[in-house]
Amino acid sequence: MISCRDISRLVTDFGEGALGFMARVQFRLHLLFCPDCKRHVEKIGMMTRSLGSLPDDEEFPPHLNPVLETLKEE
């Protein structure tokens, strides 16, 4: 069985479909018994979908360019 720490480490690979069969089974099994990890994975998925719907940099209003530059530096 994988741990909560493993879930945090593997959540991106899981979302991208990059886990092997047994790792996916263990990941999903852990989520069945751990509401905290299930909530974490759901939040990451929601964030990923939200970020994916943002327009390209060029489409942002010019007054937001300083904000974008600051984010890129981090």
Protein backbone atom coordinates (compact mmCIF):
# COMPACT_ATOMS: atom_id res chain seq x y z
CA MET A 1 0.00 0.00 0.00
CA ILE A 2 1.30 3.46 -0.78
CA SER A 3 1.46 6.26 1.76
CA CYS A 4 -0.04 9.74 1.82
CA ARG A 5 3.42 11.09 1.02
CA ASP A 6 3.53 8.85 -2.06
CA ILE A 7 0.15 10.21 -3.15
CA SER A 8 1.48 13.78 -2.99
CA ARG A 9 4.54 12.78 -4.98
CA LEU A 10 2.60 10.82 -7.62
CA VAL A 11 -0.48 13.03 -8.08
CA THR A 12 0.89 14.73 -11.22
CA ASP A 13 1.88 11.43 -12.83
CA PHE A 14 -1.54 10.03 -11.98
CA GLY A 15 -3.29 13.02 -13.56
CA GLU A 16 -1.18 12.72 -16.71
CA GLY A 17 -1.79 8.98 -16.98
CA ALA A 18 1.91 8.24 -16.51
CA LEU A 19 1.55 5.60 -13.77
CA GLY A 20 1.80 1.91 -14.53
CA PHE A 21 -1.14 -0.41 -13.94
CA MET A 22 -0.19 -1.55 -10.43
CA ALA A 23 0.74 1.98 -9.31
CA ARG A 24 -2.66 3.24 -10.56
CA VAL A 25 -4.44 0.46 -8.68
CA GLN A 26 -2.54 1.23 -5.46
CA PHE A 27 -3.12 4.97 -5.93
CA ARG A 28 -6.88 4.52 -6.39
CA LEU A 29 -7.10 2.04 -3.54
CA HIS A 30 -5.40 4.52 -1.20
CA LEU A 31 -7.91 7.21 -2.24
CA LEU A 32 -10.79 4.89 -1.33
CA PHE A 33 -9.60 4.74 2.28
CA CYS A 34 -8.05 8.19 2.75
CA PRO A 35 -10.46 11.13 2.49
CA ASP A 36 -7.65 13.66 2.98
CA CYS A 37 -5.70 12.38 -0.03
CA LYS A 38 -8.88 12.10 -2.08
CA ARG A 39 -9.63 15.76 -1.33
CA HIS A 40 -6.03 16.72 -2.18
CA VAL A 41 -6.13 14.92 -5.54
CA GLU A 42 -9.50 16.51 -6.35
CA LYS A 43 -8.12 19.99 -5.55
CA ILE A 44 -5.06 19.42 -7.74
CA GLY A 45 -7.30 18.24 -10.57
CA MET A 46 -9.54 21.29 -10.22
CA MET A 47 -6.52 23.60 -10.21
CA THR A 48 -5.05 21.92 -13.29
CA ARG A 49 -8.33 22.24 -15.20
CA SER A 50 -8.66 25.90 -14.15
CA LEU A 51 -5.13 26.76 -15.20
CA GLY A 52 -5.62 24.95 -18.48
CA SER A 53 -8.53 27.22 -19.33
CA LEU A 54 -6.52 30.43 -18.95
CA PRO A 55 -5.68 32.32 -22.14
CA ASP A 56 -2.14 32.59 -23.48
CA ASP A 57 0.08 35.38 -22.13
CA GLU A 58 -0.55 37.52 -25.20
CA GLU A 59 -4.28 37.63 -24.49
CA PHE A 60 -3.95 39.16 -21.04
CA PRO A 61 -4.64 42.87 -20.71
CA PRO A 62 -1.39 44.87 -20.81
CA HIS A 63 -1.84 46.15 -17.26
CA LEU A 64 -1.39 42.56 -15.98
CA ASN A 65 2.03 42.09 -17.63
CA PRO A 66 3.97 43.08 -14.47
CA VAL A 67 2.03 40.48 -12.51
CA LEU A 68 2.80 37.81 -15.12
CA GLU A 69 6.49 38.70 -15.12
CA THR A 70 6.62 38.39 -11.33
CA LEU A 71 4.99 34.95 -11.49
CA LYS A 72 7.40 33.78 -14.17
CA GLU A 73 10.38 34.79 -12.02
CA GLU A 74 9.18 32.60 -9.15
